Amino acid sequence: NDKIVNMNLPVVLGKNDKCEIITKDLVDYCHILIGGISGQGKTTCINTIVTSLLKEKTPDEVKFIFASCFKMQLCPFEDLNKEFIVQRPNQNEKILQDFDDVMEMLKWLHEEMDNRYELLKNASSSKFEDINQPRIVCIIDEYADYIMMDDEFEKEIRFIAPLCAQVGIHLILTTMRPTDNIVTPTIRVHIPMHIAFK
């Protein structure tokens, strides 16, 4: 419908009590935190979000980064057209799993964010649309597992989360443990949309 067509990143989140489909613009919320124990719907939620974006957007409009300690959780996206995947030097896999690879991806996102701010500066603009770049949706499944491996991971997320959405980079984090020691208040305040499963 016209409402969805006018959204930058339309994501389907389920149905309301009237069985009407709930669709929100990810750009309005910047980032998403999805919490819940295993088997309660986090992966299905991710699949629905990604599928809704693929249905409405082209690779010129949106690209994805997938990371998961348990690669099988995101295995449906192994078959995704590579044009929808952010391609970085020496990256052969569509779904990142190894901690070092995911950490390098975060550092790359940090650099990409800085580059996009430089493009805005050169364009004398504050509007993301003026720099003609695809939006990037970075999905990190079971975020807590990476946090527990190295504090640097949390520091990198803490730095980019407040700034990256303004230049078209959006984070979707899932975790079984959305506690303050995993998703710190500093990060949580910059993730306005929280989805909770039992």
C-alpha atoms as a PDB file:
ATOM      1  CA  ASN A   1       0.000   0.000   0.000  1.00  0.00           C
ATOM      2  CA  ASP A   2       0.956   3.678  -0.222  1.00  0.00           C
ATOM      3  CA  LYS A   3       2.019   3.796   3.415  1.00  0.00           C
ATOM      4  CA  ILE A   4       4.611   1.043   2.914  1.00  0.00           C
ATOM      5  CA  VAL A   5       5.836   2.490  -0.386  1.00  0.00           C
ATOM      6  CA  ASN A   6       6.661   5.744   1.405  1.00  0.00           C
ATOM      7  CA  MET A   7       8.698   3.991   4.116  1.00  0.00           C
ATOM      8  CA  ASN A   8      12.493   3.928   3.858  1.00  0.00           C
ATOM      9  CA  LEU A   9      12.880   0.502   5.504  1.00  0.00           C
ATOM     10  CA  PRO A  10       9.474  -1.145   6.013  1.00  0.00           C
ATOM     11  CA  VAL A  11       9.683  -4.037   8.482  1.00  0.00           C
ATOM     12  CA  VAL A  12       6.817  -6.370   9.309  1.00  0.00           C
ATOM     13  CA  LEU A  13       6.615  -7.097  13.045  1.00  0.00           C
ATOM     14  CA  GLY A  14       3.499  -9.266  13.311  1.00  0.00           C
ATOM     15  CA  LYS A  15      -0.221  -8.664  13.734  1.00  0.00           C
ATOM     16  CA  ASN A  16      -2.285  -6.687  16.203  1.00  0.00           C
ATOM     17  CA  ASP A  17      -5.364  -7.926  18.077  1.00  0.00           C
ATOM     18  CA  LYS A  18      -7.467  -7.198  14.967  1.00  0.00           C
ATOM     19  CA  CYS A  19      -5.221  -9.456  12.851  1.00  0.00           C
ATOM     20  CA  GLU A  20      -3.915  -6.424  10.973  1.00  0.00           C
ATOM     21  CA  ILE A  21      -0.275  -6.597   9.874  1.00  0.00           C
ATOM     22  CA  ILE A  22       1.981  -4.249  11.853  1.00  0.00           C
ATOM     23  CA  THR A  23       4.594  -2.549   9.650  1.00  0.00           C
ATOM     24  CA  LYS A  24       7.043   0.044  10.945  1.00  0.00           C
ATOM     25  CA  ASP A  25       9.787   2.075   9.295  1.00  0.00           C
ATOM     26  CA  LEU A  26      13.114   0.973  10.792  1.00  0.00           C
ATOM     27  CA  VAL A  27      14.535   4.406   9.993  1.00  0.00           C
ATOM     28  CA  ASP A  28      12.116   5.957  12.500  1.00  0.00           C
ATOM     29  CA  TYR A  29      13.461   3.704  15.256  1.00  0.00           C
ATOM     30  CA  CYS A  30      17.158   3.589  14.244  1.00  0.00           C
ATOM     31  CA  HIS A  31      17.901   0.150  15.755  1.00  0.00           C
ATOM     32  CA  ILE A  32      16.078  -2.890  17.175  1.00  0.00           C
ATOM     33  CA  LEU A  33      16.803  -5.062  20.209  1.00  0.00           C
ATOM     34  CA  ILE A  34      15.115  -8.498  20.204  1.00  0.00           C
ATOM     35  CA  GLY A  35      15.154 -10.479  23.443  1.00  0.00           C
ATOM     36  CA  GLY A  36      13.825 -13.879  24.460  1.00  0.00           C
ATOM     37  CA  ILE A  37      14.828 -17.421  25.361  1.00  0.00           C
ATOM     38  CA  SER A  38      15.629 -20.022  22.714  1.00  0.00           C
ATOM     39  CA  GLY A  39      12.708 -21.292  20.667  1.00  0.00           C
ATOM     40  CA  GLN A  40      10.341 -18.403  21.398  1.00  0.00           C
ATOM     41  CA  GLY A  41      10.468 -16.589  18.052  1.00  0.00           C
ATOM     42  CA  LYS A  42      13.587 -14.435  17.728  1.00  0.00           C
ATOM     43  CA  THR A  43      14.768 -16.144  14.550  1.00  0.00           C
ATOM     44  CA  THR A  44      11.294 -16.059  13.025  1.00  0.00           C
ATOM     45  CA  CYS A  45      11.141 -12.345  13.810  1.00  0.00           C
ATOM     46  CA  ILE A  46      14.488 -11.775  12.063  1.00  0.00           C
ATOM     47  CA  ASN A  47      13.329 -13.802   9.045  1.00  0.00           C
ATOM     48  CA  THR A  48      10.154 -11.734   8.806  1.00  0.00           C
ATOM     49  CA  ILE A  49      12.024  -8.435   9.057  1.00  0.00           C
ATOM     50  CA  VAL A  50      14.557  -9.393   6.383  1.00  0.00           C
ATOM     51  CA  THR A  51      11.920 -10.865   4.075  1.00  0.00           C
ATOM     52  CA  SER A  52       9.790  -7.736   4.289  1.00  0.00           C
ATOM     53  CA  LEU A  53      12.791  -5.579   3.343  1.00  0.00           C
ATOM     54  CA  LEU A  54      13.737  -7.867   0.445  1.00  0.00           C
ATOM     55  CA  LYS A  55      10.177  -7.671  -0.856  1.00  0.00           C
ATOM     56  CA  GLU A  56      10.115  -3.881  -0.959  1.00  0.00           C
ATOM     57  CA  LYS A  57      13.724  -2.812  -1.612  1.00  0.00           C
ATOM     58  CA  THR A  58      16.469  -3.384  -4.188  1.00  0.00           C
ATOM     59  CA  PRO A  59      20.200  -3.970  -3.551  1.00  0.00           C
ATOM     60  CA  ASP A  60      20.770  -0.325  -4.454  1.00  0.00           C
ATOM     61  CA  GLU A  61      18.525   0.662  -1.547  1.00  0.00           C
ATOM     62  CA  VAL A  62      19.481  -1.791   1.200  1.00  0.00           C
ATOM     63  CA  LYS A  63      22.301  -4.218   1.972  1.00  0.00           C
ATOM     64  CA  PHE A  64      22.728  -6.636   4.851  1.00  0.00           C
ATOM     65  CA  ILE A  65      25.407  -7.854   7.224  1.00  0.00           C
ATOM     66  CA  PHE A  66      24.681 -11.099   9.072  1.00  0.00           C
ATOM     67  CA  ALA A  67      26.624 -12.338  12.106  1.00  0.00           C
ATOM     68  CA  SER A  68      25.848 -15.265  14.382  1.00  0.00           C
ATOM     69  CA  CYS A  69      27.794 -17.551  16.696  1.00  0.00           C
ATOM     70  CA  PHE A  70      25.245 -20.225  15.783  1.00  0.00           C
ATOM     71  CA  LYS A  71      25.353 -19.944  12.017  1.00  0.00           C
ATOM     72  CA  MET A  72      22.414 -22.276  11.482  1.00  0.00           C
ATOM     73  CA  GLN A  73      20.085 -19.669  13.014  1.00  0.00           C
ATOM     74  CA  LEU A  74      20.573 -17.466   9.957  1.00  0.00           C
ATOM     75  CA  CYS A  75      21.199 -20.234   7.406  1.00  0.00           C
ATOM     76  CA  PRO A  76      18.206 -19.250   5.188  1.00  0.00           C
ATOM     77  CA  PHE A  77      20.199 -16.195   4.162  1.00  0.00           C
ATOM     78  CA  GLU A  78      23.071 -18.278   2.777  1.00  0.00           C
ATOM     79  CA  ASP A  79      21.075 -18.383  -0.461  1.00  0.00           C
ATOM     80  CA  LEU A  80      20.469 -14.640  -0.558  1.00  0.00           C
ATOM     81  CA  ASN A  81      21.589 -12.888  -3.738  1.00  0.00           C
ATOM     82  CA  LYS A  82      25.103 -11.619  -2.999  1.00  0.00           C
ATOM     83  CA  GLU A  83      24.104  -8.196  -4.322  1.00  0.00           C
ATOM     84  CA  PHE A  84      22.136  -7.753  -1.087  1.00  0.00           C
ATOM     85  CA  ILE A  85      25.202  -8.548   1.056  1.00  0.00           C
ATOM     86  CA  VAL A  86      27.780  -5.939   2.063  1.00  0.00           C
ATOM     87  CA  GLN A  87      30.961  -7.021   0.296  1.00  0.00           C
ATOM     88  CA  ARG A  88      34.190  -6.311   2.146  1.00  0.00           C
ATOM     89  CA  PRO A  89      37.725  -7.228   1.061  1.00  0.00           C
ATOM     90  CA  ASN A  90      38.624 -10.867   1.810  1.00  0.00           C
ATOM     91  CA  GLN A  91      35.084 -11.720   2.928  1.00  0.00           C
ATOM     92  CA  ASN A  92      33.893 -14.958   1.369  1.00  0.00           C
ATOM     93  CA  GLU A  93      31.015 -15.862   3.655  1.00  0.00           C
ATOM     94  CA  LYS A  94      27.576 -14.304   3.708  1.00  0.00           C
ATOM     95  CA  ILE A  95      27.070 -15.091   7.395  1.00  0.00           C
ATOM     96  CA  LEU A  96      29.940 -14.188   9.693  1.00  0.00           C
ATOM     97  CA  GLN A  97      30.562 -16.466  12.672  1.00  0.00           C
ATOM     98  CA  ASP A  98      34.139 -16.221  13.898  1.00  0.00           C
ATOM     99  CA  PHE A  99      34.681 -13.519  16.524  1.00  0.00           C
ATOM    100  CA  ASP A 100      37.638 -11.960  14.697  1.00  0.00           C
ATOM    101  CA  ASP A 101      35.624 -11.700  11.469  1.00  0.00           C
ATOM    102  CA  VAL A 102      32.704 -10.077  13.266  1.00  0.00           C
ATOM    103  CA  MET A 103      35.012  -7.673  15.079  1.00  0.00           C
ATOM    104  CA  GLU A 104      36.616  -6.690  11.766  1.00  0.00           C
ATOM    105  CA  MET A 105      33.140  -6.117  10.373  1.00  0.00           C
ATOM    106  CA  LEU A 106      32.330  -3.732  13.240  1.00  0.00           C
ATOM    107  CA  LYS A 107      35.544  -1.826  12.627  1.00  0.00           C
ATOM    108  CA  TRP A 108      34.636  -1.626   8.945  1.00  0.00           C
ATOM    109  CA  LEU A 109      31.166  -0.300   9.876  1.00  0.00           C
ATOM    110  CA  HIS A 110      32.860   2.327  12.026  1.00  0.00           C
ATOM    111  CA  GLU A 111      34.989   3.419   9.058  1.00  0.00           C
ATOM    112  CA  GLU A 112      31.999   3.350   6.726  1.00  0.00           C
ATOM    113  CA  MET A 113      30.067   5.538   9.154  1.00  0.00           C
ATOM    114  CA  ASP A 114      32.921   8.064   9.243  1.00  0.00           C
ATOM    115  CA  ASN A 115      33.145   8.021   5.426  1.00  0.00           C
ATOM    116  CA  ARG A 116      29.438   8.723   5.104  1.00  0.00           C
ATOM    117  CA  TYR A 117      29.649  11.657   7.492  1.00  0.00           C
ATOM    118  CA  GLU A 118      32.495  12.984   5.342  1.00  0.00           C
ATOM    119  CA  LEU A 119      30.298  12.648   2.248  1.00  0.00           C
ATOM    120  CA  LEU A 120      27.560  14.633   3.989  1.00  0.00           C
ATOM    121  CA  LYS A 121      30.080  17.301   4.925  1.00  0.00           C
ATOM    122  CA  ASN A 122      31.309  17.531   1.341  1.00  0.00           C
ATOM    123  CA  ALA A 123      27.725  17.762   0.123  1.00  0.00           C
ATOM    124  CA  SER A 124      27.001  20.523   2.652  1.00  0.00           C
ATOM    125  CA  SER A 125      23.992  18.514   3.746  1.00  0.00           C
ATOM    126  CA  SER A 126      22.591  16.786   6.810  1.00  0.00           C
ATOM    127  CA  LYS A 127      20.210  14.566   4.791  1.00  0.00           C
ATOM    128  CA  PHE A 128      21.284  10.980   4.240  1.00  0.00           C
ATOM    129  CA  GLU A 129      19.396  10.855   0.942  1.00  0.00           C
ATOM    130  CA  ASP A 130      21.786  13.437  -0.525  1.00  0.00           C
ATOM    131  CA  ILE A 131      24.798  11.095  -0.539  1.00  0.00           C
ATOM    132  CA  ASN A 132      23.250   8.333  -2.674  1.00  0.00           C
ATOM    133  CA  GLN A 133      24.317   5.342  -0.559  1.00  0.00           C
ATOM    134  CA  PRO A 134      22.376   2.164   0.255  1.00  0.00           C
ATOM    135  CA  ARG A 135      21.149   1.722   3.787  1.00  0.00           C
ATOM    136  CA  ILE A 136      22.903  -1.057   5.701  1.00  0.00           C
ATOM    137  CA  VAL A 137      21.074  -3.358   8.105  1.00  0.00           C
ATOM    138  CA  CYS A 138      23.521  -5.188  10.383  1.00  0.00           C
ATOM    139  CA  ILE A 139      21.998  -8.177  12.169  1.00  0.00           C
ATOM    140  CA  ILE A 140      23.983  -9.654  15.075  1.00  0.00           C
ATOM    141  CA  ASP A 141      22.354 -12.806  16.411  1.00  0.00           C
ATOM    142  CA  GLU A 142      23.000 -13.771  20.058  1.00  0.00           C
ATOM    143  CA  TYR A 143      24.882 -10.566  20.705  1.00  0.00           C
ATOM    144  CA  ALA A 144      25.727 -11.664  24.273  1.00  0.00           C
ATOM    145  CA  ASP A 145      28.027 -14.417  23.030  1.00  0.00           C
ATOM    146  CA  TYR A 146      30.284 -11.912  21.304  1.00  0.00           C
ATOM    147  CA  ILE A 147      30.202  -9.486  24.231  1.00  0.00           C
ATOM    148  CA  MET A 148      31.478 -12.196  26.552  1.00  0.00           C
ATOM    149  CA  MET A 149      34.473 -12.903  24.302  1.00  0.00           C
ATOM    150  CA  ASP A 150      35.991  -9.435  24.422  1.00  0.00           C
ATOM    151  CA  ASP A 151      35.063  -6.063  25.943  1.00  0.00           C
ATOM    152  CA  GLU A 152      36.182  -4.350  22.735  1.00  0.00           C
ATOM    153  CA  PHE A 153      33.076  -5.671  21.018  1.00  0.00           C
ATOM    154  CA  GLU A 154      30.767  -3.805  23.378  1.00  0.00           C
ATOM    155  CA  LYS A 155      32.913  -0.670  23.113  1.00  0.00           C
ATOM    156  CA  GLU A 156      32.613  -0.638  19.330  1.00  0.00           C
ATOM    157  CA  ILE A 157      28.840  -1.067  19.456  1.00  0.00           C
ATOM    158  CA  ARG A 158      28.630   1.624  22.140  1.00  0.00           C
ATOM    159  CA  PHE A 159      30.494   4.049  19.893  1.00  0.00           C
ATOM    160  CA  ILE A 160      28.644   3.519  16.623  1.00  0.00           C
ATOM    161  CA  ALA A 161      25.076   3.000  17.925  1.00  0.00           C
ATOM    162  CA  PRO A 162      24.391   6.693  18.728  1.00  0.00           C
ATOM    163  CA  LEU A 163      25.737   7.916  15.388  1.00  0.00           C
ATOM    164  CA  CYS A 164      25.349   5.372  12.614  1.00  0.00           C
ATOM    165  CA  ALA A 165      21.590   5.545  11.968  1.00  0.00           C
ATOM    166  CA  GLN A 166      21.883   9.157  10.789  1.00  0.00           C
ATOM    167  CA  VAL A 167      24.017   7.904   7.899  1.00  0.00           C
ATOM    168  CA  GLY A 168      21.889   4.892   7.005  1.00  0.00           C
ATOM    169  CA  ILE A 169      23.430   2.143   9.155  1.00  0.00           C
ATOM    170  CA  HIS A 170      20.979   0.253  11.365  1.00  0.00           C
ATOM    171  CA  LEU A 171      21.643  -2.428  13.985  1.00  0.00           C
ATOM    172  CA  ILE A 172      19.393  -5.340  14.906  1.00  0.00           C
ATOM    173  CA  LEU A 173      20.657  -7.222  17.970  1.00  0.00           C
ATOM    174  CA  THR A 174      19.190 -10.419  19.384  1.00  0.00           C
ATOM    175  CA  THR A 175      19.965 -11.958  22.754  1.00  0.00           C
ATOM    176  CA  MET A 176      18.576 -14.467  25.225  1.00  0.00           C
ATOM    177  CA  ARG A 177      19.836 -12.223  28.025  1.00  0.00           C
ATOM    178  CA  PRO A 178      18.822  -8.577  27.540  1.00  0.00           C
ATOM    179  CA  THR A 179      20.138  -7.677  31.003  1.00  0.00           C
ATOM    180  CA  ASP A 180      22.051  -4.506  31.834  1.00  0.00           C
ATOM    181  CA  ASN A 181      25.390  -6.283  31.930  1.00  0.00           C
ATOM    182  CA  ILE A 182      24.826  -7.557  28.364  1.00  0.00           C
ATOM    183  CA  VAL A 183      22.959  -4.653  26.785  1.00  0.00           C
ATOM    184  CA  THR A 184      24.330  -1.809  28.865  1.00  0.00           C
ATOM    185  CA  PRO A 185      22.179   1.262  29.599  1.00  0.00           C
ATOM    186  CA  THR A 186      24.519   3.313  27.382  1.00  0.00           C
ATOM    187  CA  ILE A 187      23.682   1.110  24.400  1.00  0.00           C
ATOM    188  CA  ARG A 188      20.060   0.480  25.342  1.00  0.00           C
ATOM    189  CA  VAL A 189      19.196   4.189  25.304  1.00  0.00           C
ATOM    190  CA  HIS A 190      20.153   4.335  21.624  1.00  0.00           C
ATOM    191  CA  ILE A 191      17.985   1.366  20.644  1.00  0.00           C
ATOM    192  CA  PRO A 192      14.427   2.700  20.852  1.00  0.00           C
ATOM    193  CA  MET A 193      12.607  -0.408  19.589  1.00  0.00           C
ATOM    194  CA  HIS A 194      12.595  -3.390  21.945  1.00  0.00           C
ATOM    195  CA  ILE A 195      10.849  -6.639  20.995  1.00  0.00           C
ATOM    196  CA  ALA A 196      10.418  -9.169  23.813  1.00  0.00           C
ATOM    197  CA  PHE A 197       9.597 -12.862  23.605  1.00  0.00           C
ATOM    198  CA  LYS A 198       9.093 -15.121  26.633  1.00  0.00           C
END
